[in-house]
């Protein structure tokens, strides 16, 4: 919490959610700026944070997703290097993460995010 500074027991919450068959997305925007995060250790299916919470550029962030889930998900947008093969009636998509990177990426913002993460 950015108000109280509470560190929630995410691992326990993830275990409870998974026991009910739910997928879990953790909004890690607050913790990403203030501590080391073992994303895989949390057990969450997805983990997201935005660049501006790390004193980086706005409009860019990070989404971690379990590879098996990302492979099963359809892309939500098209273009760029996300397609590995195109045919008249269908297309094959690249492996994640390229599968979800349609169009020209925000190059300057990504470089700025990398600097903020360092």
Foldseek 3Di string as FASTA:
>chain_A
DVPPPDDDLLLVVCVVQVVVVHAAEAACAQVLQPHDDPPVVSVHQKYKYALVSLVFDGPDIDIDGDQVVQVPDQAPDAADQQWPADDPVDTHGDGPPSVHDHDDDPVVRVVRSVVSSD
